[in-house]
């Protein structure tokens, strides 16, 4: 089968994109890798930065979406504090999956108490199950349970999901 010049160029760009690492990873692909690192910064309720071999890596918690800190969504600061309480300063286990469009490693994080941090955020009512990117039934059930118990942000009967909040124009 012959490829036209445009098809060949597109194929080459696609193949090249498969091998490009997010900026600053020093050539190490952390996806599909399990490693330990120290949590050095909490950016919001679903994003942290860890230090691995003297190199910072941004981690986006898989399966969940928490209130938006940038756009002053209610419960954003409480979600950030909850995540901090669960893991800041600790050496945690990280199971990387892949990278998002912002070059954050999508991962499941387990703290020193052997708690799955992603799940704990749902149990505390500090996040939604991010169904657009996760079909995991355990995470769905954890959100349902938190809603029923009216914990965390579920105390607010008009809580707005972060993906809807991001889509709203704020003046």
Protein backbone atom coordinates (compact mmCIF):
# COMPACT_ATOMS: atom_id res chain seq x y z
CA UNK A 1 0.00 0.00 0.00
CA UNK A 2 1.39 3.41 -0.98
CA UNK A 3 0.93 6.43 1.19
CA UNK A 4 0.66 9.91 -0.22
CA UNK A 5 3.15 12.53 0.97
CA UNK A 6 0.61 14.12 3.32
CA UNK A 7 -0.38 10.75 4.80
CA UNK A 8 3.27 9.86 5.30
CA UNK A 9 3.99 13.18 7.06
CA UNK A 10 0.95 12.72 9.32
CA UNK A 11 2.07 9.18 10.13
CA UNK A 12 5.56 10.39 11.04
CA UNK A 13 4.19 13.16 13.30
CA UNK A 14 1.90 10.65 15.00
CA UNK A 15 4.75 8.21 15.59
CA UNK A 16 6.97 11.00 16.88
CA UNK A 17 4.26 12.13 19.32
CA UNK A 18 4.18 8.62 20.78
CA UNK A 19 7.80 8.96 21.83
CA UNK A 20 7.82 12.55 23.09
CA UNK A 21 8.02 12.79 26.87
CA UNK A 22 6.41 15.63 28.78
CA UNK A 23 8.86 18.46 29.25
CA UNK A 24 11.26 17.88 32.10
CA UNK A 25 10.82 14.17 32.67
CA UNK A 26 14.50 13.59 31.89
CA UNK A 27 13.54 10.90 29.40
CA UNK A 28 11.77 8.74 32.00
CA UNK A 29 8.23 7.73 31.22
CA UNK A 30 6.42 7.33 34.55
CA UNK A 31 3.21 6.01 33.00
CA UNK A 32 2.48 2.36 33.77
CA UNK A 33 5.13 2.58 36.47
CA UNK A 34 4.85 2.14 40.22
CA UNK A 35 7.25 4.25 42.28
CA UNK A 36 7.56 6.06 45.60
CA UNK A 37 8.08 9.80 45.98
CA UNK A 38 7.65 12.56 48.57
CA UNK A 39 4.66 14.90 48.23
CA UNK A 40 6.14 18.42 48.17
CA UNK A 41 3.18 20.54 47.08
CA UNK A 42 -0.60 20.41 46.91
CA UNK A 43 -1.95 22.50 44.04
CA UNK A 44 -5.66 21.79 44.56
CA UNK A 45 -7.96 18.95 45.58
CA UNK A 46 -6.90 16.61 42.79
CA UNK A 47 -3.39 17.74 41.86
CA UNK A 48 -0.10 17.50 43.70
CA UNK A 49 3.59 17.66 43.05
CA UNK A 50 5.97 14.95 44.19
CA UNK A 51 9.74 14.78 44.33
CA UNK A 52 11.20 11.68 42.73
CA UNK A 53 14.99 11.30 42.53
CA UNK A 54 15.39 15.07 43.07
CA UNK A 55 12.96 15.84 40.24
CA UNK A 56 9.44 17.33 40.70
CA UNK A 57 6.54 15.57 38.95
CA UNK A 58 2.97 16.90 38.82
CA UNK A 59 0.39 14.25 39.62
CA UNK A 60 -3.32 14.44 38.71
CA UNK A 61 -5.39 12.02 40.79
CA UNK A 62 -7.07 9.44 38.58
CA UNK A 63 -10.85 8.81 38.78
CA UNK A 64 -11.77 12.05 40.59
CA UNK A 65 -12.40 15.74 39.95
CA UNK A 66 -12.43 18.21 42.83
CA UNK A 67 -13.75 21.78 43.10
CA UNK A 68 -11.86 24.38 41.05
CA UNK A 69 -9.44 26.49 43.08
CA UNK A 70 -8.61 28.77 40.14
CA UNK A 71 -12.18 29.87 39.64
CA UNK A 72 -13.09 30.10 43.33
CA UNK A 73 -15.56 27.20 43.34
CA UNK A 74 -17.11 26.50 46.76
CA UNK A 75 -15.22 23.80 48.69
CA UNK A 76 -12.05 24.25 46.61
CA UNK A 77 -9.95 25.30 49.61
CA UNK A 78 -11.44 22.56 51.79
CA UNK A 79 -10.65 19.97 49.11
CA UNK A 80 -7.06 21.23 48.88
CA UNK A 81 -6.72 21.00 52.68
CA UNK A 82 -8.22 17.50 52.72
CA UNK A 83 -5.69 16.32 50.14
CA UNK A 84 -2.91 17.99 52.10
CA UNK A 85 -4.03 16.28 55.31
CA UNK A 86 -4.00 12.91 53.54
CA UNK A 87 -0.52 13.07 52.06
CA UNK A 88 1.49 16.32 52.21
CA UNK A 89 5.10 15.71 53.24
CA UNK A 90 4.70 11.94 53.08
CA UNK A 91 6.48 9.39 50.96
CA UNK A 92 3.66 7.88 48.91
CA UNK A 93 3.29 5.04 46.43
CA UNK A 94 2.30 6.19 42.96
CA UNK A 95 0.85 4.04 40.23
CA UNK A 96 1.17 6.07 37.04
CA UNK A 97 -1.24 5.51 34.20
CA UNK A 98 -0.59 8.11 31.49
CA UNK A 99 -0.21 11.85 30.96
CA UNK A 100 -2.96 14.41 30.48
CA UNK A 101 -2.85 17.35 28.09
CA UNK A 102 -1.20 19.49 30.78
CA UNK A 103 1.68 16.99 31.13
CA UNK A 104 0.51 15.82 34.55
CA UNK A 105 0.91 12.16 35.36
CA UNK A 106 -2.52 10.62 35.92
CA UNK A 107 -2.09 8.28 38.88
CA UNK A 108 -3.45 6.49 41.89
CA UNK A 109 -1.68 7.51 45.11
CA UNK A 110 -1.42 5.47 48.31
CA UNK A 111 -0.32 7.25 51.51
CA UNK A 112 1.74 5.97 54.46
CA UNK A 113 -1.45 4.64 56.15
CA UNK A 114 -2.07 2.47 53.05
CA UNK A 115 -5.11 4.61 52.15
CA UNK A 116 -5.84 5.11 48.47
CA UNK A 117 -5.87 8.92 48.46
CA UNK A 118 -8.06 9.10 45.34
CA UNK A 119 -10.75 7.06 47.12
CA UNK A 120 -10.38 8.92 50.41
CA UNK A 121 -11.15 12.22 48.66
CA UNK A 122 -14.49 10.76 47.56
CA UNK A 123 -15.21 9.32 51.01
CA UNK A 124 -14.60 12.76 52.54
CA UNK A 125 -16.99 14.34 50.04
CA UNK A 126 -14.23 16.47 48.56
CA UNK A 127 -14.48 15.26 44.97
CA UNK A 128 -16.74 13.84 42.30
CA UNK A 129 -16.17 10.57 40.51
CA UNK A 130 -14.88 11.81 37.13
CA UNK A 131 -17.11 9.57 35.01
CA UNK A 132 -15.96 11.10 31.72
CA UNK A 133 -12.54 9.49 32.27
CA UNK A 134 -13.32 6.67 34.70
CA UNK A 135 -15.84 3.85 34.62
CA UNK A 136 -14.57 2.29 37.86
CA UNK A 137 -17.64 1.15 39.82
CA UNK A 138 -15.90 1.45 43.20
CA UNK A 139 -15.37 5.18 42.67
CA UNK A 140 -18.98 5.57 41.54
CA UNK A 141 -20.16 3.82 44.72
CA UNK A 142 -17.91 5.92 46.95
CA UNK A 143 -19.47 9.10 45.55
CA UNK A 144 -23.00 7.73 46.01
CA UNK A 145 -22.23 6.82 49.63
CA UNK A 146 -20.75 10.26 50.37
CA UNK A 147 -23.82 11.92 48.82
CA UNK A 148 -26.17 9.82 50.96
CA UNK A 149 -24.21 10.65 54.12
CA UNK A 150 -24.12 14.34 53.08
CA UNK A 151 -20.43 14.67 53.90
CA UNK A 152 -18.15 17.42 52.64
CA UNK A 153 -19.48 19.28 49.64
CA UNK A 154 -22.57 17.06 49.61
CA UNK A 155 -23.90 19.17 52.48
CA UNK A 156 -24.64 21.72 49.75
CA UNK A 157 -27.72 20.56 47.85
CA UNK A 158 -26.77 22.81 44.93
CA UNK A 159 -23.15 21.64 44.54
CA UNK A 160 -21.94 22.11 40.96
CA UNK A 161 -19.63 19.55 39.38
CA UNK A 162 -16.19 20.98 38.49
CA UNK A 163 -16.60 20.23 34.76
CA UNK A 164 -19.83 22.24 34.78
CA UNK A 165 -18.20 25.01 36.85
CA UNK A 166 -15.34 25.27 34.34
CA UNK A 167 -17.86 25.62 31.53
CA UNK A 168 -19.72 28.53 33.16
CA UNK A 169 -18.72 32.09 32.35
CA UNK A 170 -17.99 34.11 35.47
CA UNK A 171 -18.04 37.92 35.38
